[in-house]
Amino acid sequence: MVASELFLPWTIVRYVIYSLVFFVLTAGYFLHNQLTCIDQGLTSYEKENRDTSFTTTCKSRYERFACVFGRNQLLTMACRGFRVKLNKFCNRNGPIVMNAVIPVWYVFSTVYSNWMAVDHMFDIIYGEGTSFAMVYKCLTVLLSAEMMINWIFLCRVRSDYQNSEVNNRKRLEHEKTFPQFISEGVSYEELKEKLPTLRTGNWSVVTQYTGSDVKRTAYPYWGWKPCVVCSFYKPPRCHHCPLCEECVLKRDHHCFFARQCVGLNNQRFFVVFNFWAVMLNLLFIPPLLYYVSVEVWPNIAAPDLFLPYTLLSFILGWVSPYSFTVIFISYSLVYFFLLALTFLVEQIRCIDNGMTSYELENRSCAIKSQCKSRYERFACVFGRSQLWINLFIPYHWASEPTDDGITWQSMKKD
């Protein structure tokens, strides 16, 4: 036994390599055998035992392969079938996996980066016990605490719609102002011709199937619409989330970091969470990159800075676990910074226009705010108290959004 075999990852990699070589050789043998059989118009049994008794009448190789694959483009069909299966698998299981993995990734990156900052990183950069090191440590912990507090409230505060008799009475009053347009058994294109304003984004179409019967109903965007999953009527701007399995008031999008949707009651926490994430990363990333260049770079090769190669090197034992973790955290924090900055700019733009991100992309002509000032538009999300307090104290119970999520008095409904 050589010394490298005592390192468990290296032993596992050797076993995986030997297994892959065996599988490649076996697959190559069977592939060659099958292609030969198809080219001769035989099965493997006939090729071994009755080779002289069978002859094919196909004049070309294409016709012989068409006996197995059909006459369409053979490679295109194989690729298309694999792509369809892969897309179906990813669409069904991808969001579920992301919902489970991303919060763990975020918490691990935050906790580990704070441990690095407090334990040794700032001491190495600015000198142990210096005022600069103490200030950076305090700021990192403070900003991380603010970010984590808003993340917890983002996860805990819900915006789901609760069906009740009071809300049903509001719906009946609301339908007098916004009647629906029902069309039995017509296609979506025919419905567009009957209702030209459908193209402007002022309507939502719900399709219901009962056996062979098709019922398409066009509802005003500011009208109540049925949820075919929850089996009740939902108010305007309320949408069903398949991951949360509930209808969410003023649904903006599903946040995988919080494992629930951003809606009416927790949008303020999402905005503040992104704000502190941007501030924290602006403070932490420059010293982190300098720390990598001083402490990690001398111990690794240049390709190890490329994360997939770093992972392979870590498995093979060429990179230490600490160096791999620092490089992984660096990539994660840069990604979090860009993502948080994008969401922060988008959310501020949406609040200033009185829209959700979905409405900003799809229904900009149908949404108009009646708020006369920017303060009133932000009060629809943060409440009427001093807005800056929301940056430091999550006091949603003392200052609720001015919109109730059902009647939308602040919006102009065309």
Protein backbone atom coordinates (compact mmCIF):
# COMPACT_ATOMS: atom_id res chain seq x y z
CA MET A 1 0.00 0.00 0.00
CA VAL A 2 1.32 3.41 -0.98
CA ALA A 3 0.97 6.49 1.20
CA SER A 4 -1.65 8.13 -1.05
CA GLU A 5 -4.04 5.20 -0.48
CA LEU A 6 -4.31 6.21 3.17
CA PHE A 7 -6.11 9.37 1.99
CA LEU A 8 -9.76 8.30 1.69
CA PRO A 9 -10.82 10.69 -1.14
CA TRP A 10 -7.95 9.45 -3.31
CA THR A 11 -8.96 5.82 -2.73
CA ILE A 12 -12.56 6.61 -3.64
CA VAL A 13 -11.45 8.44 -6.79
CA ARG A 14 -9.32 5.46 -7.88
CA TYR A 15 -12.29 3.13 -7.42
CA VAL A 16 -14.55 5.50 -9.41
CA ILE A 17 -11.97 5.76 -12.21
CA TYR A 18 -11.61 1.96 -12.45
CA SER A 19 -15.40 1.60 -12.49
CA LEU A 20 -15.78 4.20 -15.23
CA VAL A 21 -13.10 2.49 -17.35
CA PHE A 22 -14.93 -0.82 -16.98
CA PHE A 23 -18.28 0.74 -17.90
CA VAL A 24 -16.77 2.53 -20.92
CA LEU A 25 -15.17 -0.66 -22.23
CA THR A 26 -18.39 -2.64 -21.70
CA ALA A 27 -20.55 0.04 -23.33
CA GLY A 28 -18.10 0.28 -26.24
CA TYR A 29 -18.25 -3.48 -26.81
CA PHE A 30 -22.07 -3.56 -26.81
CA LEU A 31 -22.28 -0.44 -29.00
CA HIS A 32 -19.93 -1.93 -31.59
CA ASN A 33 -21.83 -5.24 -31.50
CA GLN A 34 -25.23 -3.58 -31.94
CA LEU A 35 -24.09 -1.30 -34.78
CA THR A 36 -22.65 -4.31 -36.58
CA CYS A 37 -25.88 -6.25 -36.15
CA ILE A 38 -28.02 -3.37 -37.42
CA ASP A 39 -25.71 -2.85 -40.39
CA GLN A 40 -26.11 -6.54 -41.32
CA GLY A 41 -29.84 -6.66 -40.55
CA LEU A 42 -29.36 -9.30 -37.85
CA THR A 43 -29.79 -9.74 -34.13
CA SER A 44 -26.82 -10.71 -31.97
CA TYR A 45 -28.25 -14.25 -31.67
CA GLU A 46 -28.58 -14.56 -35.44
CA LYS A 47 -25.11 -13.17 -35.96
CA GLU A 48 -23.59 -15.80 -33.67
CA ASN A 49 -25.62 -18.85 -34.73
CA ARG A 50 -27.34 -18.28 -38.08
CA ASP A 51 -25.12 -15.82 -39.87
CA THR A 52 -25.29 -17.63 -43.23
CA SER A 53 -29.07 -18.11 -43.20
CA PHE A 54 -30.11 -14.44 -43.23
CA THR A 55 -29.56 -11.70 -45.77
CA THR A 56 -31.06 -8.23 -45.86
CA THR A 57 -32.79 -6.75 -48.89
CA CYS A 58 -32.05 -3.14 -47.88
CA LYS A 59 -29.83 -1.54 -50.50
CA SER A 60 -28.37 1.20 -48.34
CA ARG A 61 -27.08 1.58 -44.80
CA TYR A 62 -29.68 4.27 -44.17
CA GLU A 63 -32.50 1.80 -44.89
CA ARG A 64 -30.99 -0.81 -42.59
CA PHE A 65 -30.74 1.71 -39.74
CA ALA A 66 -34.24 2.97 -40.55
CA CYS A 67 -35.53 -0.53 -39.71
CA VAL A 68 -34.59 0.25 -36.10
CA PHE A 69 -34.78 4.04 -35.73
CA GLY A 70 -37.36 4.99 -38.38
CA ARG A 71 -36.91 7.20 -41.40
CA ASN A 72 -36.64 10.55 -39.63
CA GLN A 73 -33.34 12.15 -38.74
CA LEU A 74 -31.89 9.55 -36.41
CA LEU A 75 -29.53 11.69 -34.31
CA THR A 76 -32.04 14.53 -34.03
CA MET A 77 -34.71 12.18 -32.69
CA ALA A 78 -32.36 10.70 -30.09
CA CYS A 79 -31.22 14.16 -28.90
CA ARG A 80 -34.75 15.50 -28.88
CA GLY A 81 -36.02 12.61 -26.77
CA PHE A 82 -33.22 13.05 -24.24
CA ARG A 83 -33.75 16.82 -24.12
CA VAL A 84 -37.49 16.44 -23.53
CA LYS A 85 -36.93 13.98 -20.67
CA LEU A 86 -34.23 16.18 -19.14
CA ASN A 87 -36.41 19.30 -19.33
CA LYS A 88 -39.35 17.46 -17.82
CA PHE A 89 -37.19 16.18 -14.95
CA CYS A 90 -35.64 19.61 -14.27
CA ASN A 91 -38.97 21.46 -14.43
CA ARG A 92 -40.55 19.01 -12.00
CA ASN A 93 -37.71 18.52 -9.51
CA GLY A 94 -35.46 21.57 -10.02
CA PRO A 95 -37.51 24.06 -7.96
CA ILE A 96 -37.95 21.50 -5.17
CA VAL A 97 -34.20 20.89 -4.97
CA MET A 98 -33.45 24.63 -5.06
CA ASN A 99 -36.00 25.24 -2.32
CA ALA A 100 -34.14 22.80 -0.08
CA VAL A 101 -30.50 23.57 -0.97
CA ILE A 102 -30.31 27.37 -1.38
CA PRO A 103 -31.27 28.30 2.24
CA VAL A 104 -28.60 25.90 3.56
CA TRP A 105 -26.05 27.36 1.14
CA TYR A 106 -26.91 30.91 2.25
CA VAL A 107 -26.73 30.17 5.99
CA PHE A 108 -23.46 28.24 5.65
CA SER A 109 -21.82 31.03 3.63
CA THR A 110 -22.94 33.71 6.10
CA VAL A 111 -21.87 31.82 9.23
CA TYR A 112 -18.51 30.73 7.80
CA SER A 113 -17.63 34.20 6.49
CA ASN A 114 -18.42 35.70 9.91
CA TRP A 115 -16.23 33.09 11.59
CA MET A 116 -13.38 33.95 9.22
CA ALA A 117 -13.81 37.67 9.91
CA VAL A 118 -13.90 37.39 13.70
CA ASP A 119 -11.32 34.61 14.07
CA HIS A 120 -8.36 35.57 11.89
CA MET A 121 -8.98 37.26 8.53
CA PHE A 122 -9.07 40.90 9.61
CA ASP A 123 -6.27 40.28 12.12
CA ILE A 124 -4.01 39.05 9.31
CA ILE A 125 -4.90 41.95 7.00
CA TYR A 126 -4.88 44.89 9.47
CA GLY A 127 -2.86 43.47 12.34
CA GLU A 128 -4.04 41.67 15.45
CA GLY A 129 -5.60 43.96 18.03
CA THR A 130 -5.58 47.10 15.84
CA SER A 131 -8.52 49.49 15.74
CA PHE A 132 -9.09 48.81 12.04
CA ALA A 133 -9.46 45.08 12.68
CA MET A 134 -11.89 45.67 15.58
CA VAL A 135 -14.01 48.10 13.55
CA TYR A 136 -14.24 45.70 10.59
CA LYS A 137 -15.16 42.81 12.90
CA CYS A 138 -17.91 44.82 14.59
CA LEU A 139 -19.32 46.10 11.29
CA THR A 140 -19.33 42.60 9.78
CA VAL A 141 -21.20 41.11 12.73
CA LEU A 142 -23.65 44.05 12.90
CA LEU A 143 -24.51 43.98 9.19
CA SER A 144 -24.80 40.18 9.25
CA ALA A 145 -27.16 40.38 12.23
CA GLU A 146 -29.40 42.92 10.47
CA MET A 147 -29.44 40.77 7.33
CA MET A 148 -30.23 37.56 9.23
CA ILE A 149 -33.01 39.20 11.27
CA ASN A 150 -34.79 40.36 8.12
CA TRP A 151 -34.21 36.94 6.52
CA ILE A 152 -35.90 35.27 9.50
CA PHE A 153 -38.88 37.61 9.28
CA LEU A 154 -38.98 37.07 5.51
CA CYS A 155 -39.25 33.33 6.18
CA ARG A 156 -41.80 33.60 9.01
CA VAL A 157 -44.21 36.36 7.95
CA ARG A 158 -46.73 34.99 5.45
CA SER A 159 -48.90 36.68 2.83
CA ASP A 160 -51.31 33.82 2.07
CA TYR A 161 -54.96 34.62 1.34
CA GLN A 162 -57.53 33.24 3.79
CA ASN A 163 -60.98 32.59 2.31
CA SER A 164 -63.79 33.84 4.58
CA GLU A 165 -67.39 35.03 4.48
CA VAL A 166 -66.31 38.66 4.88
CA ASN A 167 -64.04 38.39 1.84
CA ASN A 168 -66.76 36.65 -0.15
CA ARG A 169 -69.12 39.59 0.49
CA LYS A 170 -66.40 41.94 -0.73
CA ARG A 171 -66.11 39.81 -3.86
CA LEU A 172 -69.84 40.06 -4.63
CA GLU A 173 -69.71 43.84 -4.32
CA HIS A 174 -66.58 43.95 -6.45
CA GLU A 175 -68.09 41.91 -9.31
CA LYS A 176 -70.74 44.59 -9.87
CA THR A 177 -67.96 46.94 -10.97
CA PHE A 178 -65.82 44.41 -12.87
CA PRO A 179 -68.00 41.88 -14.76
CA GLN A 180 -66.41 38.79 -16.28
CA PHE A 181 -66.49 37.70 -19.94
CA ILE A 182 -67.39 34.01 -20.46
CA SER A 183 -66.83 32.19 -23.77
CA GLU A 184 -67.70 28.50 -24.07
CA GLY A 185 -65.50 26.17 -26.13
CA VAL A 186 -63.45 28.71 -28.09
CA SER A 187 -59.71 28.86 -28.57
CA TYR A 188 -57.53 31.50 -26.96
CA GLU A 189 -56.99 33.23 -30.32
CA GLU A 190 -60.75 33.40 -30.92
CA LEU A 191 -61.20 34.85 -27.47
CA LYS A 192 -58.68 37.56 -28.35
CA GLU A 193 -60.75 38.49 -31.41
CA LYS A 194 -63.93 38.76 -29.34
CA LEU A 195 -62.17 40.76 -26.64
CA PRO A 196 -59.53 43.02 -28.27
CA THR A 197 -58.46 44.56 -24.96
CA LEU A 198 -57.23 41.11 -23.88
CA ARG A 199 -53.93 41.92 -25.60
CA THR A 200 -53.33 44.98 -23.42
CA GLY A 201 -52.85 43.02 -20.19
CA ASN A 202 -56.12 44.21 -18.61
CA TRP A 203 -57.58 40.68 -18.54
CA SER A 204 -56.66 37.25 -17.18
CA VAL A 205 -57.92 34.07 -18.85
CA VAL A 206 -58.83 30.97 -16.80
CA THR A 207 -59.30 27.73 -18.77
CA GLN A 208 -61.34 24.91 -17.20
CA TYR A 209 -61.71 21.41 -18.68
CA THR A 210 -64.71 19.18 -17.90
CA GLY A 211 -64.31 16.05 -19.98
CA SER A 212 -64.37 17.19 -23.60
CA ASP A 213 -65.92 20.57 -22.73
CA VAL A 214 -63.67 23.61 -22.60
CA LYS A 215 -64.65 26.78 -20.77
CA ARG A 216 -62.48 29.88 -21.07
CA THR A 217 -63.38 32.84 -18.92
CA ALA A 218 -61.73 36.24 -19.24
CA TYR A 219 -61.62 38.07 -15.91
CA PRO A 220 -60.60 41.71 -15.49
CA TYR A 221 -57.16 41.94 -13.93
CA TRP A 222 -58.67 43.98 -11.09
CA GLY A 223 -61.51 41.47 -10.68
CA TRP A 224 -61.75 38.35 -8.55
CA LYS A 225 -60.71 35.11 -10.26
CA PRO A 226 -61.18 31.45 -9.31
CA CYS A 227 -58.16 29.39 -8.26
CA VAL A 228 -58.60 25.97 -9.86
CA VAL A 229 -56.21 24.44 -7.28
CA CYS A 230 -57.55 25.93 -4.04
CA SER A 231 -61.19 25.88 -5.30
CA PHE A 232 -62.14 29.38 -4.17
CA TYR A 233 -62.15 32.90 -5.60
CA LYS A 234 -59.07 35.00 -5.01
CA PRO A 235 -58.78 38.81 -4.99
CA PRO A 236 -56.90 40.93 -7.56
CA ARG A 237 -53.10 40.53 -7.70
CA CYS A 238 -53.38 37.27 -5.76
CA HIS A 239 -51.66 34.34 -7.48
CA HIS A 240 -51.24 30.66 -6.67
CA CYS A 241 -47.75 29.33 -5.97
CA PRO A 242 -47.23 25.61 -6.75
CA LEU A 243 -44.28 25.37 -4.32
CA CYS A 244 -46.00 27.08 -1.38
CA GLU A 245 -49.28 25.37 -2.36
CA GLU A 246 -51.32 28.44 -1.49
CA CYS A 247 -52.61 31.68 -2.97
CA VAL A 248 -50.40 34.64 -2.07
CA LEU A 249 -51.63 38.24 -1.78
CA LYS A 250 -49.74 40.60 -4.11
CA ARG A 251 -47.41 37.78 -5.11
CA ASP A 252 -44.16 39.16 -6.50
CA HIS A 253 -42.12 35.96 -6.93
CA HIS A 254 -41.08 32.82 -5.08
CA CYS A 255 -37.91 33.40 -3.04
CA PHE A 256 -35.80 30.24 -2.77
CA PHE A 257 -33.68 31.82 -0.02
CA ALA A 258 -36.77 32.10 2.21
CA ARG A 259 -38.56 28.99 0.87
CA GLN A 260 -41.74 31.00 0.40
CA CYS A 261 -43.22 33.74 -1.78
CA VAL A 262 -42.57 37.44 -1.46
CA GLY A 263 -45.96 39.10 -1.10
CA LEU A 264 -47.97 41.82 0.60
CA ASN A 265 -46.80 41.32 4.20
CA ASN A 266 -43.16 40.31 3.77
CA GLN A 267 -42.06 42.41 0.80
CA ARG A 268 -40.61 45.03 3.19
CA PHE A 269 -38.34 42.38 4.74
CA PHE A 270 -37.20 41.22 1.31
CA VAL A 271 -36.20 44.76 0.34
CA VAL A 272 -34.35 45.41 3.61
CA PHE A 273 -32.72 41.95 3.47
CA ASN A 274 -31.29 42.76 0.04
CA PHE A 275 -30.16 46.19 1.23
CA TRP A 276 -28.12 44.76 4.10
CA ALA A 277 -26.80 41.95 1.88
CA VAL A 278 -25.42 44.55 -0.54
CA MET A 279 -23.87 46.58 2.31
CA LEU A 280 -22.31 43.52 3.93
CA ASN A 281 -20.77 42.25 0.70
CA LEU A 282 -19.42 45.69 -0.20
CA LEU A 283 -17.65 45.68 3.17
CA PHE A 284 -16.49 42.07 3.16
CA ILE A 285 -15.59 41.11 -0.43
CA PRO A 286 -12.56 43.45 -0.99
CA PRO A 287 -10.73 42.28 2.17
CA LEU A 288 -11.68 38.68 1.35
CA LEU A 289 -10.13 38.89 -2.12
CA TYR A 290 -6.98 40.40 -0.63
CA TYR A 291 -6.89 37.63 1.97
CA VAL A 292 -7.18 34.99 -0.80
CA SER A 293 -4.28 36.55 -2.70
CA VAL A 294 -2.06 36.60 0.41
CA GLU A 295 -2.96 33.41 2.29
CA VAL A 296 -4.55 31.02 -0.23
CA TRP A 297 -2.96 31.84 -3.59
CA PRO A 298 0.62 30.80 -2.58
CA ASN A 299 -0.63 27.30 -1.64
CA ILE A 300 -2.58 26.50 -4.83
CA ALA A 301 -2.04 26.47 -8.58
CA ALA A 302 -3.60 29.03 -10.93
CA PRO A 303 -6.32 26.66 -12.29
CA ASP A 304 -7.49 26.03 -8.72
CA LEU A 305 -9.12 29.47 -8.71
CA PHE A 306 -11.66 28.07 -11.18
CA LEU A 307 -14.33 26.59 -8.89
CA PRO A 308 -15.09 23.32 -10.79
CA TYR A 309 -11.34 22.59 -11.02
CA THR A 310 -11.00 23.48 -7.33
CA LEU A 311 -13.67 20.92 -6.47
CA LEU A 312 -11.86 18.25 -8.50
CA SER A 313 -8.54 19.14 -6.87
CA PHE A 314 -10.15 18.96 -3.43
CA ILE A 315 -11.54 15.48 -4.17
CA LEU A 316 -8.12 14.33 -5.38
CA GLY A 317 -6.44 15.77 -2.30
CA TRP A 318 -4.42 18.41 -4.14
CA VAL A 319 -6.15 21.33 -2.35
CA SER A 320 -6.74 21.53 1.39
CA PRO A 321 -10.33 21.65 2.71
CA TYR A 322 -9.77 25.17 4.08
CA SER A 323 -8.49 26.53 0.74
CA PHE A 324 -11.42 24.97 -1.09
CA THR A 325 -13.92 26.39 1.41
CA VAL A 326 -12.45 29.91 1.17
CA ILE A 327 -12.60 29.85 -2.64
CA PHE A 328 -16.17 28.50 -2.51
CA ILE A 329 -17.20 31.24 -0.05
CA SER A 330 -15.60 33.88 -2.30
CA TYR A 331 -17.62 32.73 -5.30
CA SER A 332 -20.78 32.53 -3.19
CA LEU A 333 -20.47 36.04 -1.77
CA VAL A 334 -19.81 37.59 -5.18
CA TYR A 335 -22.89 35.81 -6.53
CA PHE A 336 -25.00 36.91 -3.53
CA PHE A 337 -23.84 40.51 -3.98
CA LEU A 338 -24.81 40.64 -7.67
CA LEU A 339 -28.13 38.90 -7.00
CA ALA A 340 -29.03 41.12 -4.04
CA LEU A 341 -28.10 44.29 -5.93
CA THR A 342 -30.28 43.23 -8.88
CA PHE A 343 -33.27 42.47 -6.66
CA LEU A 344 -32.83 45.66 -4.64
CA VAL A 345 -32.87 47.88 -7.74
CA GLU A 346 -35.83 45.96 -9.19
CA GLN A 347 -37.86 46.12 -5.98
CA ILE A 348 -37.30 49.85 -5.51
CA ARG A 349 -38.37 50.40 -9.09
CA CYS A 350 -41.49 48.26 -8.58
CA ILE A 351 -42.50 50.04 -5.36
CA ASP A 352 -41.95 53.45 -6.95
CA ASN A 353 -44.26 52.45 -9.81
CA GLY A 354 -46.81 50.70 -7.57
CA MET A 355 -46.25 47.33 -9.27
CA THR A 356 -44.96 43.84 -8.66
CA SER A 357 -42.10 42.43 -10.73
CA TYR A 358 -44.62 40.32 -12.68
CA GLU A 359 -46.72 43.38 -13.48
CA LEU A 360 -43.65 45.42 -14.40
CA GLU A 361 -42.72 42.83 -17.04
CA ASN A 362 -46.16 41.86 -18.38
CA ARG A 363 -48.83 44.42 -17.47
CA SER A 364 -47.19 47.83 -17.32
CA CYS A 365 -50.03 49.42 -19.27
CA ALA A 366 -52.69 48.06 -16.91
CA ILE A 367 -51.23 49.22 -13.58
CA LYS A 368 -51.39 52.84 -12.46
CA SER A 369 -50.91 54.09 -8.94
CA GLN A 370 -53.18 56.78 -7.51
CA CYS A 371 -50.61 57.78 -4.89
CA LYS A 372 -49.60 61.40 -5.42
CA SER A 373 -46.21 61.21 -3.71
CA ARG A 374 -43.32 58.75 -3.51
CA TYR A 375 -43.84 58.57 0.28
CA GLU A 376 -47.38 57.23 -0.21
CA ARG A 377 -46.19 54.62 -2.72
CA PHE A 378 -43.54 53.38 -0.29
CA ALA A 379 -46.10 53.48 2.55
CA CYS A 380 -48.11 50.86 0.62
CA VAL A 381 -45.25 48.46 1.45
CA PHE A 382 -43.54 49.81 4.60
CA GLY A 383 -46.46 51.53 6.38
CA ARG A 384 -46.95 55.20 7.27
CA SER A 385 -44.39 55.47 10.07
CA GLN A 386 -40.86 56.71 9.54
CA LEU A 387 -39.62 54.59 6.62
CA TRP A 388 -35.98 54.58 7.72
CA ILE A 389 -36.92 52.73 10.92
CA ASN A 390 -37.64 49.64 8.79
CA LEU A 391 -33.92 49.44 8.01
CA PHE A 392 -33.09 48.73 11.66
CA ILE A 393 -36.23 47.40 13.36
CA PRO A 394 -38.66 44.91 11.75
CA TYR A 395 -41.80 46.33 13.33
CA HIS A 396 -44.45 45.29 10.81
CA TRP A 397 -47.02 44.78 13.59
CA ALA A 398 -46.85 48.49 14.49
CA SER A 399 -46.88 49.89 10.95
CA GLU A 400 -48.81 47.73 8.51
CA PRO A 401 -48.89 48.39 4.74
CA THR A 402 -51.60 50.86 3.75
CA ASP A 403 -52.91 48.42 1.11
CA ASP A 404 -55.10 45.61 2.44
CA GLY A 405 -54.38 43.21 -0.44
CA ILE A 406 -58.06 42.93 -1.45
CA THR A 407 -59.66 46.25 -2.41
CA TRP A 408 -56.48 48.10 -3.57
CA GLN A 409 -57.66 51.61 -2.85
CA SER A 410 -54.25 53.02 -3.81
CA MET A 411 -54.46 51.74 -7.41
CA LYS A 412 -56.25 53.13 -10.44
CA LYS A 413 -58.32 50.32 -11.91
CA ASP A 414 -58.96 50.62 -15.65
